[in-house]
C-alpha atoms as a PDB file:
ATOM      1  CA  MET A   1      40.202  49.479 120.252  1.00  0.00           C
ATOM      2  CA  GLN A   2      41.291  51.242 123.422  1.00  0.00           C
ATOM      3  CA  LYS A   3      38.934  50.946 126.376  1.00  0.00           C
ATOM      4  CA  ILE A   4      37.961  54.300 127.871  1.00  0.00           C
ATOM      5  CA  SER A   5      37.478  54.034 131.609  1.00  0.00           C
ATOM      6  CA  LYS A   6      37.244  57.693 132.564  1.00  0.00           C
ATOM      7  CA  GLY A   7      35.996  60.963 131.175  1.00  0.00           C
ATOM      8  CA  LEU A   8      35.302  64.600 131.850  1.00  0.00           C
ATOM      9  CA  ILE A   9      31.897  65.295 130.318  1.00  0.00           C
ATOM     10  CA  LEU A  10      30.723  68.846 129.644  1.00  0.00           C
ATOM     11  CA  LEU A  11      26.974  69.219 129.155  1.00  0.00           C
ATOM     12  CA  ARG A  12      26.211  72.489 127.413  1.00  0.00           C
ATOM     13  CA  GLY A  13      23.069  74.186 126.191  1.00  0.00           C
ATOM     14  CA  LEU A  14      20.760  77.084 126.817  1.00  0.00           C
ATOM     15  CA  PRO A  15      18.880  77.402 130.103  1.00  0.00           C
ATOM     16  CA  GLY A  16      15.896  75.069 130.015  1.00  0.00           C
ATOM     17  CA  SER A  17      17.426  72.614 127.553  1.00  0.00           C
ATOM     18  CA  GLY A  18      17.567  69.757 130.064  1.00  0.00           C
ATOM     19  CA  LYS A  19      21.272  69.741 130.970  1.00  0.00           C
ATOM     20  CA  THR A  20      20.671  69.186 134.672  1.00  0.00           C
ATOM     21  CA  THR A  21      18.137  66.436 134.040  1.00  0.00           C
ATOM     22  CA  LEU A  22      20.486  64.656 131.641  1.00  0.00           C
ATOM     23  CA  ALA A  23      23.421  65.031 134.039  1.00  0.00           C
ATOM     24  CA  LYS A  24      21.392  63.403 136.816  1.00  0.00           C
ATOM     25  CA  LEU A  25      20.477  60.527 134.509  1.00  0.00           C
ATOM     26  CA  LEU A  26      24.048  59.971 133.327  1.00  0.00           C
ATOM     27  CA  SER A  27      25.509  60.208 136.836  1.00  0.00           C
ATOM     28  CA  GLU A  28      23.699  56.989 137.722  1.00  0.00           C
ATOM     29  CA  ASP A  29      21.761  58.350 140.712  1.00  0.00           C
ATOM     30  CA  GLY A  30      24.694  60.351 142.033  1.00  0.00           C
ATOM     31  CA  LYS A  31      27.364  57.672 141.633  1.00  0.00           C
ATOM     32  CA  TYR A  32      29.406  60.233 139.697  1.00  0.00           C
ATOM     33  CA  PRO A  33      29.651  63.921 140.608  1.00  0.00           C
ATOM     34  CA  ILE A  34      27.905  66.751 138.794  1.00  0.00           C
ATOM     35  CA  PHE A  35      29.320  70.241 139.114  1.00  0.00           C
ATOM     36  CA  SER A  36      27.665  73.407 137.877  1.00  0.00           C
ATOM     37  CA  ILE A  37      27.573  77.149 138.288  1.00  0.00           C
ATOM     38  CA  ASP A  38      23.942  76.796 139.390  1.00  0.00           C
ATOM     39  CA  SER A  39      24.982  74.676 142.385  1.00  0.00           C
ATOM     40  CA  TYR A  40      26.672  77.710 143.905  1.00  0.00           C
ATOM     41  CA  PHE A  41      23.407  79.676 143.785  1.00  0.00           C
ATOM     42  CA  THR A  42      21.128  76.837 144.932  1.00  0.00           C
ATOM     43  CA  ASP A  43      20.390  76.296 148.613  1.00  0.00           C
ATOM     44  CA  PRO A  44      21.126  72.589 149.254  1.00  0.00           C
ATOM     45  CA  ASP A  45      18.399  72.327 151.904  1.00  0.00           C
ATOM     46  CA  THR A  46      15.518  74.058 150.141  1.00  0.00           C
ATOM     47  CA  GLY A  47      16.530  73.853 146.486  1.00  0.00           C
ATOM     48  CA  PHE A  48      15.834  77.601 146.186  1.00  0.00           C
ATOM     49  CA  TYR A  49      17.828  79.200 143.356  1.00  0.00           C
ATOM     50  CA  ASN A  50      19.040  82.758 143.983  1.00  0.00           C
ATOM     51  CA  PHE A  51      21.347  84.029 141.248  1.00  0.00           C
ATOM     52  CA  LYS A  52      23.597  86.970 142.136  1.00  0.00           C
ATOM     53  CA  PHE A  53      25.457  88.363 139.140  1.00  0.00           C
ATOM     54  CA  GLU A  54      28.131  89.945 141.331  1.00  0.00           C
ATOM     55  CA  GLU A  55      29.070  86.472 142.619  1.00  0.00           C
ATOM     56  CA  ASN A  56      29.091  84.754 139.217  1.00  0.00           C
ATOM     57  CA  HIS A  57      32.902  84.782 138.994  1.00  0.00           C
ATOM     58  CA  ILE A  58      33.065  83.008 142.376  1.00  0.00           C
ATOM     59  CA  ALA A  59      30.629  80.357 141.136  1.00  0.00           C
ATOM     60  CA  TYR A  60      32.792  79.738 138.045  1.00  0.00           C
ATOM     61  CA  LYS A  61      35.898  79.369 140.198  1.00  0.00           C
ATOM     62  CA  LYS A  62      34.165  77.020 142.665  1.00  0.00           C
ATOM     63  CA  CYS A  63      32.969  74.788 139.818  1.00  0.00           C
ATOM     64  CA  GLU A  64      36.511  74.591 138.420  1.00  0.00           C
ATOM     65  CA  GLU A  65      37.969  73.844 141.871  1.00  0.00           C
ATOM     66  CA  ASN A  66      35.440  71.061 142.500  1.00  0.00           C
ATOM     67  CA  THR A  67      36.222  69.589 139.096  1.00  0.00           C
ATOM     68  CA  GLU A  68      39.967  69.666 139.702  1.00  0.00           C
ATOM     69  CA  LYS A  69      39.570  67.947 143.065  1.00  0.00           C
ATOM     70  CA  ALA A  70      37.510  65.160 141.463  1.00  0.00           C
ATOM     71  CA  LEU A  71      40.134  64.784 138.731  1.00  0.00           C
ATOM     72  CA  LYS A  72      42.919  64.588 141.348  1.00  0.00           C
ATOM     73  CA  ASP A  73      40.888  61.958 143.194  1.00  0.00           C
ATOM     74  CA  GLY A  74      40.708  59.881 140.003  1.00  0.00           C
ATOM     75  CA  ILE A  75      36.917  59.693 139.800  1.00  0.00           C
ATOM     76  CA  ASP A  76      35.983  57.814 136.618  1.00  0.00           C
ATOM     77  CA  LYS A  77      33.246  60.105 135.301  1.00  0.00           C
ATOM     78  CA  ILE A  78      32.832  63.773 136.108  1.00  0.00           C
ATOM     79  CA  PHE A  79      29.953  65.824 134.737  1.00  0.00           C
ATOM     80  CA  ILE A  80      29.918  69.595 134.316  1.00  0.00           C
ATOM     81  CA  ASP A  81      26.454  71.045 133.732  1.00  0.00           C
ATOM     82  CA  ASN A  82      26.764  74.666 132.514  1.00  0.00           C
ATOM     83  CA  THR A  83      25.489  76.694 129.597  1.00  0.00           C
ATOM     84  CA  PHE A  84      28.981  77.026 128.039  1.00  0.00           C
ATOM     85  CA  THR A  85      27.493  79.297 125.373  1.00  0.00           C
ATOM     86  CA  ILE A  86      30.855  80.996 124.813  1.00  0.00           C
ATOM     87  CA  GLU A  87      33.985  78.993 123.962  1.00  0.00           C
ATOM     88  CA  TRP A  88      36.190  80.559 126.667  1.00  0.00           C
ATOM     89  CA  GLU A  89      33.873  79.173 129.345  1.00  0.00           C
ATOM     90  CA  MET A  90      35.031  75.646 128.432  1.00  0.00           C
ATOM     91  CA  GLU A  91      38.752  76.420 128.187  1.00  0.00           C
ATOM     92  CA  PRO A  92      39.589  75.815 131.883  1.00  0.00           C
ATOM     93  CA  TYR A  93      38.070  72.322 131.585  1.00  0.00           C
ATOM     94  CA  PHE A  94      40.046  71.574 128.423  1.00  0.00           C
ATOM     95  CA  ALA A  95      43.204  72.533 130.341  1.00  0.00           C
ATOM     96  CA  LEU A  96      42.223  70.384 133.336  1.00  0.00           C
ATOM     97  CA  SER A  97      41.531  67.390 131.093  1.00  0.00           C
ATOM     98  CA  LYS A  98      45.048  67.672 129.670  1.00  0.00           C
ATOM     99  CA  LYS A  99      46.647  68.227 133.070  1.00  0.00           C
ATOM    100  CA  TYR A 100      45.047  65.087 134.535  1.00  0.00           C
ATOM    101  CA  ASP A 101      45.026  63.042 131.304  1.00  0.00           C
ATOM    102  CA  TYR A 102      41.245  62.682 131.080  1.00  0.00           C
ATOM    103  CA  PRO A 103      39.455  62.382 127.774  1.00  0.00           C
ATOM    104  CA  ILE A 104      36.993  65.258 127.448  1.00  0.00           C
ATOM    105  CA  PHE A 105      33.580  65.036 125.830  1.00  0.00           C
ATOM    106  CA  VAL A 106      31.276  67.943 125.009  1.00  0.00           C
ATOM    107  CA  ILE A 107      27.586  67.156 124.741  1.00  0.00           C
ATOM    108  CA  THR A 108      25.190  69.797 123.457  1.00  0.00           C
ATOM    109  CA  VAL A 109      21.695  69.462 124.896  1.00  0.00           C
ATOM    110  CA  GLU A 110      18.847  70.855 122.804  1.00  0.00           C
ATOM    111  CA  ASN A 111      15.470  71.958 124.071  1.00  0.00           C
ATOM    112  CA  ARG A 112      13.433  69.468 122.060  1.00  0.00           C
ATOM    113  CA  HIS A 113      10.940  68.959 124.898  1.00  0.00           C
ATOM    114  CA  GLY A 114       9.665  72.561 124.677  1.00  0.00           C
ATOM    115  CA  ARG A 115       9.881  73.424 128.375  1.00  0.00           C
ATOM    116  CA  ASN A 116      10.889  76.821 129.697  1.00  0.00           C
ATOM    117  CA  ASN A 117      13.936  77.446 131.858  1.00  0.00           C
ATOM    118  CA  VAL A 118      13.438  77.486 135.623  1.00  0.00           C
ATOM    119  CA  HIS A 119      15.700  80.505 136.111  1.00  0.00           C
ATOM    120  CA  GLY A 120      13.341  83.118 134.727  1.00  0.00           C
ATOM    121  CA  ILE A 121      15.595  84.079 131.825  1.00  0.00           C
ATOM    122  CA  SER A 122      13.683  86.058 129.217  1.00  0.00           C
ATOM    123  CA  ASN A 123      13.272  84.916 125.625  1.00  0.00           C
ATOM    124  CA  GLU A 124      15.201  88.022 124.580  1.00  0.00           C
ATOM    125  CA  GLN A 125      18.176  86.990 126.732  1.00  0.00           C
ATOM    126  CA  LEU A 126      17.962  83.382 125.510  1.00  0.00           C
ATOM    127  CA  THR A 127      18.059  84.654 121.920  1.00  0.00           C
ATOM    128  CA  LYS A 128      21.206  86.677 122.708  1.00  0.00           C
ATOM    129  CA  MET A 129      22.818  83.618 124.302  1.00  0.00           C
ATOM    130  CA  ALA A 130      21.889  81.464 121.312  1.00  0.00           C
ATOM    131  CA  SER A 131      23.453  83.958 118.897  1.00  0.00           C
ATOM    132  CA  LYS A 132      26.837  83.517 120.628  1.00  0.00           C
ATOM    133  CA  TYR A 133      26.610  79.722 120.661  1.00  0.00           C
ATOM    134  CA  LYS A 134      29.099  77.910 118.429  1.00  0.00           C
ATOM    135  CA  VAL A 135      29.292  74.170 117.813  1.00  0.00           C
ATOM    136  CA  LYS A 136      32.585  72.673 116.699  1.00  0.00           C
ATOM    137  CA  LEU A 137      31.984  69.615 114.537  1.00  0.00           C
ATOM    138  CA  LEU A 138      35.481  69.291 113.073  1.00  0.00           C
ATOM    139  CA  PRO A 139      38.937  69.732 114.611  1.00  0.00           C
ATOM    140  CA  GLU A 140      40.761  72.939 113.778  1.00  0.00           C
ATOM    141  CA  ASN A 141      43.824  72.685 111.545  1.00  0.00           C
END
């Protein structure tokens, strides 16, 4: 069996599912980087989250750029913590994994703990996001 020594790990799920918490746990206290769209909107000094829809495309680009730099640097494990509710949101990471020859893993995080999201997203919006969510269990032919 081939030993896997590196990986690009995408953590996906609805807001409030525990993606960020799981990413922190898996990163071994920050030994491995975690990149997310939320990081762009979070003040590093205060932890205050201030989402601005008009800057969302910049946040996506920044997350991809940070990921590519980590891949170029050869970091063993890289975690991406985003909702990834729509397939196209993951496509840039699939391309990066091929470009830098990193195995990619997609982990879906479920809200089994029953907590609410910290971003103030309404249940109506969460339901809309959930309706777009697709899980791929088998490879496509």
